[in-house]
Amino acid sequence: MSTKLVPTPGQTVGPFYGYALPFEKDNELLPPGFPGSIRLQGTVYDGAGHTIPDAILEIWQPDAEGKVVQRTGSLVRDGYTFTGWGRGAVGNSGVFTFTTVNPGPTKPGAAPFISVALFARGLTNRLFTRIYLPEDTEALANDPLLSSLEPERRETLIARRAPDGGLTWDIRLQGEGETVFLDFQ
């Protein structure tokens, strides 16, 4: 008799316990005001367009030169070491913020991006997506993921540059303007 094993289904995200989440300076990949630091901010919306006040985002990214950092220290921030990873809780208004750097391209001509994982109530598994920088339109046009999407869907992954040099990018879980989410097999 042959038995096919299937993966165990995901569980509802949470509850989150204060002793493990969050940790001090979890959303500061670099301290605010550190040379080259920028603010990444946005709002998380549900399918009806209401803000979600209790989501958690994790980001991973290369440094400003496009190098994927392989240093320890993400859970204990020392104020100098950029590890390329951060976690931030969404506030009561649905807004998240990180202090980070503009990621560089990981190879010549590639579009720089930040990888994102989203945990929220009602989700049985976390969601994955990306944030692309808006400036290099040629690299954006040649990116394999972005070029596989319809133009209006592509726009959901491209951040807006704020006047202060920071990035603004919103997440919409469903409905009009729904963010593109990735499925890893």
N, C-alpha and C. Protein backbone atom coordinates (compact mmCIF):
# COMPACT_ATOMS: atom_id res chain seq x y z
N MET A 1 0.84 -1.18 0.00
CA MET A 1 0.00 0.00 0.00
C MET A 1 0.89 1.24 0.00
N SER A 2 0.59 2.16 -0.89
CA SER A 2 1.36 3.39 -1.01
C SER A 2 0.61 4.52 -0.31
N THR A 3 1.30 5.25 0.55
CA THR A 3 0.70 6.37 1.26
C THR A 3 1.39 7.64 0.80
N LYS A 4 0.59 8.61 0.39
CA LYS A 4 1.13 9.90 -0.02
C LYS A 4 1.07 10.85 1.18
N LEU A 5 2.21 11.38 1.54
CA LEU A 5 2.26 12.33 2.64
C LEU A 5 2.00 13.73 2.10
N VAL A 6 1.21 14.49 2.82
CA VAL A 6 0.92 15.86 2.42
C VAL A 6 1.40 16.80 3.52
N PRO A 7 1.77 18.02 3.14
CA PRO A 7 2.24 18.96 4.17
C PRO A 7 1.12 19.31 5.15
N THR A 8 1.52 19.57 6.37
CA THR A 8 0.58 20.04 7.38
C THR A 8 0.15 21.45 7.01
N PRO A 9 -1.15 21.76 7.08
CA PRO A 9 -1.58 23.11 6.72
C PRO A 9 -1.06 24.16 7.69
N GLY A 10 -0.94 25.40 7.21
CA GLY A 10 -0.52 26.50 8.06
C GLY A 10 -1.54 26.77 9.15
N GLN A 11 -1.11 27.46 10.15
CA GLN A 11 -1.98 27.82 11.26
C GLN A 11 -2.23 29.32 11.22
N THR A 12 -3.31 29.75 11.83
CA THR A 12 -3.60 31.17 11.90
C THR A 12 -2.42 31.87 12.59
N VAL A 13 -2.03 33.00 12.05
CA VAL A 13 -0.90 33.75 12.58
C VAL A 13 -1.27 34.29 13.97
N GLY A 14 -0.37 34.12 14.91
CA GLY A 14 -0.56 34.65 16.25
C GLY A 14 -1.15 33.60 17.16
N PRO A 15 -1.34 33.86 18.43
CA PRO A 15 -1.10 35.16 19.05
C PRO A 15 0.39 35.48 19.16
N PHE A 16 0.68 36.76 19.24
CA PHE A 16 2.06 37.18 19.40
C PHE A 16 2.29 37.52 20.87
N TYR A 17 3.39 37.10 21.39
CA TYR A 17 3.70 37.31 22.80
C TYR A 17 4.77 38.37 22.96
N GLY A 18 4.55 39.26 23.90
CA GLY A 18 5.43 40.39 24.12
C GLY A 18 6.87 40.04 24.43
N TYR A 19 7.14 38.87 24.97
CA TYR A 19 8.52 38.53 25.29
C TYR A 19 9.32 38.14 24.05
N ALA A 20 8.66 37.84 22.95
CA ALA A 20 9.37 37.45 21.72
C ALA A 20 9.21 38.49 20.61
N LEU A 21 8.09 39.14 20.57
CA LEU A 21 7.81 40.14 19.53
C LEU A 21 7.19 41.35 20.19
N PRO A 22 7.53 42.52 19.91
CA PRO A 22 8.71 42.94 19.16
C PRO A 22 9.94 42.96 20.04
N PHE A 23 11.07 43.35 19.44
CA PHE A 23 12.28 43.53 20.22
C PHE A 23 12.78 44.95 19.99
N GLU A 24 13.67 45.41 20.85
CA GLU A 24 14.12 46.80 20.79
C GLU A 24 14.74 47.14 19.44
N LYS A 25 14.30 48.23 18.85
CA LYS A 25 14.81 48.75 17.57
C LYS A 25 14.63 47.76 16.42
N ASP A 26 13.58 46.94 16.50
CA ASP A 26 13.37 45.92 15.48
C ASP A 26 13.15 46.49 14.08
N ASN A 27 12.59 47.68 13.98
CA ASN A 27 12.34 48.28 12.67
C ASN A 27 13.44 49.25 12.24
N GLU A 28 14.54 49.29 12.99
CA GLU A 28 15.67 50.17 12.65
C GLU A 28 16.83 49.32 12.14
N LEU A 29 16.89 49.14 10.82
CA LEU A 29 18.04 48.44 10.24
C LEU A 29 19.28 49.31 10.41
N LEU A 30 19.07 50.61 10.48
CA LEU A 30 20.07 51.61 10.86
C LEU A 30 19.35 52.63 11.74
N PRO A 31 20.07 53.30 12.63
CA PRO A 31 19.41 54.32 13.44
C PRO A 31 18.91 55.48 12.58
N PRO A 32 17.78 56.10 12.94
CA PRO A 32 17.34 57.29 12.21
C PRO A 32 18.43 58.35 12.24
N GLY A 33 18.67 58.99 11.11
CA GLY A 33 19.69 60.02 11.00
C GLY A 33 21.08 59.49 10.69
N PHE A 34 21.26 58.18 10.67
CA PHE A 34 22.54 57.59 10.30
C PHE A 34 22.84 57.95 8.85
N PRO A 35 24.09 58.27 8.49
CA PRO A 35 24.40 58.64 7.10
C PRO A 35 23.89 57.60 6.10
N GLY A 36 23.11 58.06 5.13
CA GLY A 36 22.57 57.19 4.10
C GLY A 36 21.25 56.53 4.47
N SER A 37 20.78 56.72 5.70
CA SER A 37 19.52 56.07 6.10
C SER A 37 18.32 56.78 5.49
N ILE A 38 17.29 56.01 5.24
CA ILE A 38 16.01 56.54 4.74
C ILE A 38 14.89 55.94 5.57
N ARG A 39 13.73 56.56 5.45
CA ARG A 39 12.54 56.01 6.09
C ARG A 39 11.71 55.30 5.03
N LEU A 40 11.32 54.07 5.33
CA LEU A 40 10.38 53.31 4.51
C LEU A 40 9.10 53.24 5.31
N GLN A 41 8.01 53.74 4.72
CA GLN A 41 6.75 53.76 5.45
C GLN A 41 5.60 53.41 4.53
N GLY A 42 4.50 53.03 5.13
CA GLY A 42 3.31 52.73 4.36
C GLY A 42 2.18 52.33 5.28
N THR A 43 1.08 51.93 4.67
CA THR A 43 -0.12 51.54 5.39
C THR A 43 -0.60 50.20 4.87
N VAL A 44 -1.11 49.36 5.77
CA VAL A 44 -1.67 48.06 5.40
C VAL A 44 -3.19 48.17 5.42
N TYR A 45 -3.82 47.80 4.29
CA TYR A 45 -5.28 47.88 4.13
C TYR A 45 -5.87 46.50 3.89
N ASP A 46 -7.09 46.30 4.38
CA ASP A 46 -7.81 45.06 4.08
C ASP A 46 -8.58 45.22 2.78
N GLY A 47 -9.37 44.21 2.42
CA GLY A 47 -10.11 44.23 1.16
C GLY A 47 -11.15 45.32 1.06
N ALA A 48 -11.66 45.80 2.21
CA ALA A 48 -12.67 46.86 2.21
C ALA A 48 -12.03 48.25 2.24
N GLY A 49 -10.70 48.30 2.27
CA GLY A 49 -10.02 49.59 2.31
C GLY A 49 -9.80 50.13 3.71
N HIS A 50 -10.09 49.32 4.73
CA HIS A 50 -9.84 49.74 6.11
C HIS A 50 -8.42 49.37 6.51
N THR A 51 -7.84 50.18 7.38
CA THR A 51 -6.49 49.87 7.83
C THR A 51 -6.49 48.67 8.77
N ILE A 52 -5.39 47.93 8.75
CA ILE A 52 -5.21 46.78 9.64
C ILE A 52 -4.23 47.20 10.73
N PRO A 53 -4.68 47.25 11.99
CA PRO A 53 -3.84 47.78 13.06
C PRO A 53 -2.89 46.79 13.72
N ASP A 54 -2.93 45.51 13.36
CA ASP A 54 -2.15 44.55 14.14
C ASP A 54 -1.33 43.58 13.28
N ALA A 55 -0.87 44.04 12.15
CA ALA A 55 -0.02 43.21 11.29
C ALA A 55 1.44 43.38 11.70
N ILE A 56 2.26 42.45 11.25
CA ILE A 56 3.71 42.54 11.44
C ILE A 56 4.37 42.33 10.09
N LEU A 57 5.34 43.18 9.77
CA LEU A 57 6.10 43.05 8.52
C LEU A 57 7.54 42.70 8.85
N GLU A 58 8.12 41.86 8.01
CA GLU A 58 9.56 41.61 8.05
C GLU A 58 10.11 41.98 6.69
N ILE A 59 11.28 42.62 6.69
CA ILE A 59 11.93 42.96 5.43
C ILE A 59 13.34 42.39 5.41
N TRP A 60 13.78 42.04 4.21
CA TRP A 60 15.14 41.59 3.94
C TRP A 60 15.61 42.34 2.72
N GLN A 61 16.86 42.77 2.73
CA GLN A 61 17.36 43.53 1.59
C GLN A 61 18.88 43.55 1.56
N PRO A 62 19.44 43.81 0.36
CA PRO A 62 20.88 44.04 0.29
C PRO A 62 21.22 45.42 0.82
N ASP A 63 22.51 45.67 1.02
CA ASP A 63 22.94 47.00 1.45
C ASP A 63 22.92 47.96 0.25
N ALA A 64 23.38 49.17 0.46
CA ALA A 64 23.33 50.20 -0.59
C ALA A 64 24.19 49.86 -1.80
N GLU A 65 25.18 48.99 -1.63
CA GLU A 65 26.03 48.57 -2.75
C GLU A 65 25.51 47.31 -3.44
N GLY A 66 24.39 46.77 -2.96
CA GLY A 66 23.82 45.57 -3.56
C GLY A 66 24.36 44.27 -3.01
N LYS A 67 25.11 44.35 -1.93
CA LYS A 67 25.65 43.13 -1.32
C LYS A 67 24.64 42.56 -0.33
N VAL A 68 24.40 41.26 -0.43
CA VAL A 68 23.53 40.59 0.52
C VAL A 68 24.35 40.37 1.78
N VAL A 69 23.97 41.04 2.84
CA VAL A 69 24.72 41.04 4.08
C VAL A 69 24.55 39.70 4.79
N GLN A 70 25.64 39.16 5.29
CA GLN A 70 25.60 37.89 6.01
C GLN A 70 26.28 38.06 7.36
N ARG A 71 25.74 38.99 8.15
CA ARG A 71 26.28 39.26 9.48
C ARG A 71 25.21 39.01 10.50
N THR A 72 25.61 38.58 11.67
CA THR A 72 24.66 38.37 12.76
C THR A 72 24.40 39.70 13.44
N GLY A 73 23.39 39.70 14.30
CA GLY A 73 23.11 40.90 15.08
C GLY A 73 21.75 41.51 14.82
N SER A 74 20.89 40.86 14.06
CA SER A 74 19.59 41.45 13.76
C SER A 74 18.70 41.62 14.99
N LEU A 75 18.81 40.73 15.95
CA LEU A 75 17.95 40.81 17.12
C LEU A 75 18.49 41.72 18.21
N VAL A 76 19.75 42.05 18.15
CA VAL A 76 20.35 42.97 19.11
C VAL A 76 21.05 44.05 18.28
N ARG A 77 20.39 45.16 18.12
CA ARG A 77 20.92 46.23 17.28
C ARG A 77 22.05 46.95 18.01
N ASP A 78 23.19 47.12 17.32
CA ASP A 78 24.30 47.83 17.94
C ASP A 78 24.43 49.27 17.44
N GLY A 79 23.59 49.68 16.49
CA GLY A 79 23.62 51.04 15.98
C GLY A 79 24.59 51.26 14.85
N TYR A 80 25.36 50.23 14.46
CA TYR A 80 26.36 50.37 13.40
C TYR A 80 26.26 49.28 12.35
N THR A 81 25.87 48.08 12.75
CA THR A 81 25.91 46.93 11.86
C THR A 81 24.61 46.83 11.07
N PHE A 82 24.71 46.91 9.77
CA PHE A 82 23.56 46.73 8.89
C PHE A 82 23.48 45.25 8.55
N THR A 83 22.38 44.60 8.97
CA THR A 83 22.23 43.17 8.72
C THR A 83 21.27 42.86 7.58
N GLY A 84 20.56 43.87 7.09
CA GLY A 84 19.64 43.67 5.98
C GLY A 84 18.30 43.07 6.37
N TRP A 85 18.02 42.96 7.67
CA TRP A 85 16.76 42.37 8.13
C TRP A 85 16.14 43.22 9.21
N GLY A 86 14.81 43.35 9.16
CA GLY A 86 14.09 44.08 10.20
C GLY A 86 12.67 43.57 10.32
N ARG A 87 12.08 43.85 11.47
CA ARG A 87 10.70 43.47 11.74
C ARG A 87 10.01 44.67 12.37
N GLY A 88 8.81 44.95 11.92
CA GLY A 88 8.09 46.08 12.48
C GLY A 88 6.61 45.80 12.60
N ALA A 89 6.06 46.16 13.74
CA ALA A 89 4.62 46.04 13.96
C ALA A 89 3.93 47.24 13.33
N VAL A 90 2.75 46.99 12.82
CA VAL A 90 1.92 48.06 12.27
C VAL A 90 1.22 48.73 13.44
N GLY A 91 1.22 50.04 13.46
CA GLY A 91 0.60 50.77 14.56
C GLY A 91 -0.92 50.75 14.49
N ASN A 92 -1.57 51.35 15.48
CA ASN A 92 -3.03 51.37 15.54
C ASN A 92 -3.67 52.01 14.31
N SER A 93 -2.94 52.87 13.62
CA SER A 93 -3.47 53.52 12.42
C SER A 93 -3.21 52.71 11.16
N GLY A 94 -2.58 51.53 11.30
CA GLY A 94 -2.28 50.70 10.14
C GLY A 94 -0.98 51.06 9.46
N VAL A 95 -0.23 52.00 10.04
CA VAL A 95 1.00 52.50 9.43
C VAL A 95 2.21 51.73 9.97
N PHE A 96 3.13 51.41 9.06
CA PHE A 96 4.40 50.81 9.45
C PHE A 96 5.52 51.74 9.04
N THR A 97 6.66 51.62 9.70
CA THR A 97 7.82 52.42 9.33
C THR A 97 9.09 51.65 9.66
N PHE A 98 10.07 51.78 8.79
CA PHE A 98 11.40 51.20 8.98
C PHE A 98 12.42 52.29 8.71
N THR A 99 13.58 52.20 9.35
CA THR A 99 14.73 53.02 8.99
C THR A 99 15.72 52.06 8.35
N THR A 100 16.07 52.33 7.10
CA THR A 100 16.92 51.43 6.34
C THR A 100 17.74 52.23 5.34
N VAL A 101 18.25 51.59 4.32
CA VAL A 101 18.96 52.26 3.23
C VAL A 101 18.29 51.89 1.92
N ASN A 102 18.54 52.67 0.89
CA ASN A 102 18.11 52.27 -0.44
C ASN A 102 18.93 51.04 -0.83
N PRO A 103 18.27 49.93 -1.15
CA PRO A 103 19.05 48.75 -1.54
C PRO A 103 19.69 48.98 -2.90
N GLY A 104 20.89 48.47 -3.07
CA GLY A 104 21.54 48.54 -4.38
C GLY A 104 21.16 47.32 -5.21
N PRO A 105 21.41 47.39 -6.51
CA PRO A 105 21.15 46.22 -7.36
C PRO A 105 22.13 45.10 -7.03
N THR A 106 21.65 43.86 -6.98
CA THR A 106 22.51 42.73 -6.65
C THR A 106 23.41 42.31 -7.81
N LYS A 107 23.10 42.79 -9.02
CA LYS A 107 23.97 42.60 -10.17
C LYS A 107 23.75 43.77 -11.12
N PRO A 108 24.69 44.07 -11.99
CA PRO A 108 24.54 45.21 -12.89
C PRO A 108 23.25 45.13 -13.71
N GLY A 109 22.52 46.23 -13.74
CA GLY A 109 21.29 46.31 -14.52
C GLY A 109 20.06 45.76 -13.83
N ALA A 110 20.21 45.13 -12.66
CA ALA A 110 19.06 44.57 -11.95
C ALA A 110 18.31 45.68 -11.21
N ALA A 111 17.02 45.48 -11.05
CA ALA A 111 16.20 46.44 -10.31
C ALA A 111 16.34 46.18 -8.81
N PRO A 112 16.77 47.16 -8.03
CA PRO A 112 16.88 46.96 -6.58
C PRO A 112 15.50 46.77 -5.95
N PHE A 113 15.42 45.87 -4.98
CA PHE A 113 14.16 45.66 -4.28
C PHE A 113 14.39 45.22 -2.85
N ILE A 114 13.32 45.32 -2.07
CA ILE A 114 13.28 44.86 -0.69
C ILE A 114 12.26 43.74 -0.63
N SER A 115 12.62 42.62 -0.05
CA SER A 115 11.69 41.50 0.13
C SER A 115 10.88 41.74 1.40
N VAL A 116 9.59 41.37 1.34
CA VAL A 116 8.67 41.62 2.45
C VAL A 116 7.90 40.34 2.78
N ALA A 117 7.74 40.07 4.06
CA ALA A 117 6.81 39.04 4.55
C ALA A 117 5.81 39.75 5.46
N LEU A 118 4.54 39.42 5.29
CA LEU A 118 3.47 40.04 6.06
C LEU A 118 2.74 38.98 6.87
N PHE A 119 2.60 39.23 8.16
CA PHE A 119 1.83 38.39 9.07
C PHE A 119 0.64 39.24 9.53
N ALA A 120 -0.56 38.67 9.50
CA ALA A 120 -1.72 39.44 9.95
C ALA A 120 -2.84 38.51 10.38
N ARG A 121 -3.76 39.05 11.16
CA ARG A 121 -4.90 38.25 11.61
C ARG A 121 -5.68 37.75 10.41
N GLY A 122 -6.18 36.54 10.53
CA GLY A 122 -6.97 35.97 9.46
C GLY A 122 -6.16 35.28 8.38
N LEU A 123 -4.85 35.47 8.39
CA LEU A 123 -4.00 34.80 7.41
C LEU A 123 -3.50 33.49 8.00
N THR A 124 -3.70 32.40 7.29
CA THR A 124 -3.19 31.13 7.81
C THR A 124 -1.71 30.96 7.51
N ASN A 125 -1.21 31.69 6.54
CA ASN A 125 0.22 31.69 6.21
C ASN A 125 0.64 33.12 5.93
N ARG A 126 1.89 33.40 6.14
CA ARG A 126 2.40 34.74 5.83
C ARG A 126 2.37 34.95 4.32
N LEU A 127 2.34 36.22 3.93
CA LEU A 127 2.34 36.60 2.53
C LEU A 127 3.70 37.20 2.19
N PHE A 128 4.18 36.92 0.97
CA PHE A 128 5.46 37.44 0.50
C PHE A 128 5.24 38.40 -0.66
N THR A 129 6.02 39.45 -0.70
CA THR A 129 5.96 40.39 -1.81
C THR A 129 7.29 41.13 -1.89
N ARG A 130 7.34 42.14 -2.73
CA ARG A 130 8.55 42.95 -2.90
C ARG A 130 8.21 44.42 -2.99
N ILE A 131 9.20 45.23 -2.64
CA ILE A 131 9.13 46.68 -2.83
C ILE A 131 10.28 47.06 -3.76
N TYR A 132 9.96 47.63 -4.90
CA TYR A 132 10.97 48.09 -5.84
C TYR A 132 11.16 49.60 -5.72
N LEU A 133 12.39 50.05 -5.94
CA LEU A 133 12.67 51.49 -5.98
C LEU A 133 12.16 52.05 -7.29
N PRO A 134 11.67 53.29 -7.29
CA PRO A 134 11.01 53.81 -8.50
C PRO A 134 11.93 54.40 -9.58
N GLU A 135 13.19 54.68 -9.29
CA GLU A 135 13.98 55.52 -10.19
C GLU A 135 14.46 54.85 -11.49
N ASP A 136 14.98 53.69 -11.46
CA ASP A 136 15.61 53.07 -12.63
C ASP A 136 14.56 52.38 -13.49
N THR A 137 13.91 53.16 -14.35
CA THR A 137 12.80 52.62 -15.15
C THR A 137 13.25 51.54 -16.12
N GLU A 138 14.48 51.62 -16.61
CA GLU A 138 14.98 50.58 -17.52
C GLU A 138 15.14 49.26 -16.77
N ALA A 139 15.70 49.31 -15.58
CA ALA A 139 15.86 48.09 -14.78
C ALA A 139 14.49 47.53 -14.38
N LEU A 140 13.55 48.41 -14.05
CA LEU A 140 12.20 47.95 -13.72
C LEU A 140 11.54 47.26 -14.91
N ALA A 141 11.71 47.82 -16.10
CA ALA A 141 11.11 47.23 -17.31
C ALA A 141 11.72 45.87 -17.63
N ASN A 142 12.98 45.66 -17.26
CA ASN A 142 13.67 44.40 -17.56
C ASN A 142 13.60 43.37 -16.44
N ASP A 143 13.01 43.74 -15.30
CA ASP A 143 12.92 42.80 -14.19
C ASP A 143 11.99 41.65 -14.56
N PRO A 144 12.43 40.39 -14.37
CA PRO A 144 11.60 39.25 -14.77
C PRO A 144 10.23 39.21 -14.08
N LEU A 145 10.18 39.51 -12.79
CA LEU A 145 8.89 39.50 -12.10
C LEU A 145 7.99 40.62 -12.61
N LEU A 146 8.50 41.84 -12.59
CA LEU A 146 7.67 42.97 -13.01
C LEU A 146 7.21 42.85 -14.45
N SER A 147 8.09 42.40 -15.34
CA SER A 147 7.70 42.31 -16.75
C SER A 147 6.68 41.20 -17.00
N SER A 148 6.48 40.30 -16.04
CA SER A 148 5.47 39.25 -16.20
C SER A 148 4.08 39.72 -15.78
N LEU A 149 3.97 40.94 -15.25
CA LEU A 149 2.71 41.46 -14.73
C LEU A 149 2.10 42.51 -15.65
N GLU A 150 0.79 42.64 -15.58
CA GLU A 150 0.10 43.74 -16.26
C GLU A 150 0.55 45.05 -15.62
N PRO A 151 0.59 46.15 -16.39
CA PRO A 151 1.09 47.42 -15.85
C PRO A 151 0.45 47.86 -14.54
N GLU A 152 -0.88 47.73 -14.41
CA GLU A 152 -1.54 48.18 -13.18
C GLU A 152 -1.17 47.29 -11.99
N ARG A 153 -0.90 46.02 -12.22
CA ARG A 153 -0.46 45.12 -11.15
C ARG A 153 1.00 45.41 -10.78
N ARG A 154 1.80 45.72 -11.78
CA ARG A 154 3.21 46.04 -11.57
C ARG A 154 3.36 47.22 -10.61
N GLU A 155 2.50 48.20 -10.77
CA GLU A 155 2.57 49.42 -9.95
C GLU A 155 2.40 49.14 -8.46
N THR A 156 1.76 48.03 -8.10
CA THR A 156 1.54 47.72 -6.68
C THR A 156 2.84 47.35 -5.97
N LEU A 157 3.89 47.10 -6.73
CA LEU A 157 5.18 46.71 -6.15
C LEU A 157 6.22 47.82 -6.17
N ILE A 158 5.88 48.95 -6.76
CA ILE A 158 6.85 50.05 -6.89
C ILE A 158 6.53 51.15 -5.87
N ALA A 159 7.51 51.46 -5.05
CA ALA A 159 7.35 52.49 -4.02
C ALA A 159 7.32 53.88 -4.65
N ARG A 160 6.85 54.83 -3.88
CA ARG A 160 6.88 56.24 -4.27
C ARG A 160 7.99 56.91 -3.46
N ARG A 161 8.75 57.78 -4.11
CA ARG A 161 9.83 58.49 -3.42
C ARG A 161 9.24 59.72 -2.75
N ALA A 162 9.44 59.86 -1.46
CA ALA A 162 8.95 61.00 -0.70
C ALA A 162 9.90 62.20 -0.91
N PRO A 163 9.42 63.41 -0.70
CA PRO A 163 10.28 64.59 -0.86
C PRO A 163 11.54 64.55 0.00
N ASP A 164 11.48 63.87 1.16
CA ASP A 164 12.65 63.81 2.04
C ASP A 164 13.62 62.69 1.65
N GLY A 165 13.34 61.97 0.53
CA GLY A 165 14.21 60.89 0.07
C GLY A 165 13.78 59.52 0.53
N GLY A 166 12.81 59.46 1.43
CA GLY A 166 12.30 58.18 1.92
C GLY A 166 11.40 57.51 0.89
N LEU A 167 10.91 56.33 1.25
CA LEU A 167 10.03 55.56 0.38
C LEU A 167 8.68 55.38 1.05
N THR A 168 7.62 55.47 0.25
CA THR A 168 6.27 55.19 0.71
C THR A 168 5.71 54.08 -0.15
N TRP A 169 5.14 53.05 0.49
CA TRP A 169 4.61 51.89 -0.21
C TRP A 169 3.51 51.28 0.65
N ASP A 170 2.33 51.12 0.08
CA ASP A 170 1.19 50.58 0.81
C ASP A 170 0.92 49.14 0.38
N ILE A 171 0.30 48.39 1.29
CA ILE A 171 -0.09 47.01 1.04
C ILE A 171 -1.61 46.95 1.05
N ARG A 172 -2.18 46.38 0.01
CA ARG A 172 -3.62 46.15 -0.06
C ARG A 172 -3.83 44.65 -0.19
N LEU A 173 -4.48 44.05 0.82
CA LEU A 173 -4.60 42.60 0.87
C LEU A 173 -5.58 42.03 -0.17
N GLN A 174 -6.58 42.79 -0.55
CA GLN A 174 -7.58 42.36 -1.53
C GLN A 174 -8.17 43.57 -2.21
N GLY A 175 -8.99 43.31 -3.22
CA GLY A 175 -9.77 44.37 -3.85
C GLY A 175 -8.98 45.20 -4.85
N GLU A 176 -9.53 46.36 -5.13
CA GLU A 176 -8.91 47.26 -6.11
C GLU A 176 -7.51 47.64 -5.66
N GLY A 177 -6.54 47.50 -6.55
CA GLY A 177 -5.17 47.83 -6.23
C GLY A 177 -4.49 46.80 -5.36
N GLU A 178 -5.04 45.56 -5.33
CA GLU A 178 -4.45 44.51 -4.50
C GLU A 178 -2.97 44.34 -4.82
N THR A 179 -2.16 44.29 -3.78
CA THR A 179 -0.72 44.09 -3.92
C THR A 179 -0.46 42.72 -4.52
N VAL A 180 0.54 42.63 -5.37
CA VAL A 180 0.96 41.33 -5.91
C VAL A 180 1.69 40.58 -4.81
N PHE A 181 1.25 39.35 -4.55
CA PHE A 181 1.90 38.49 -3.58
C PHE A 181 2.53 37.32 -4.30
N LEU A 182 3.64 36.83 -3.78
CA LEU A 182 4.41 35.78 -4.43
C LEU A 182 4.13 34.42 -3.81
N ASP A 183 4.18 33.40 -4.63
CA ASP A 183 3.97 32.03 -4.18
C ASP A 183 5.24 31.26 -4.46
N PHE A 184 5.90 30.82 -3.39
CA PHE A 184 7.12 30.07 -3.56
C PHE A 184 6.81 28.58 -3.49
N GLN A 185 7.23 27.85 -4.50
CA GLN A 185 6.96 26.40 -4.56
C GLN A 185 8.19 25.63 -4.15
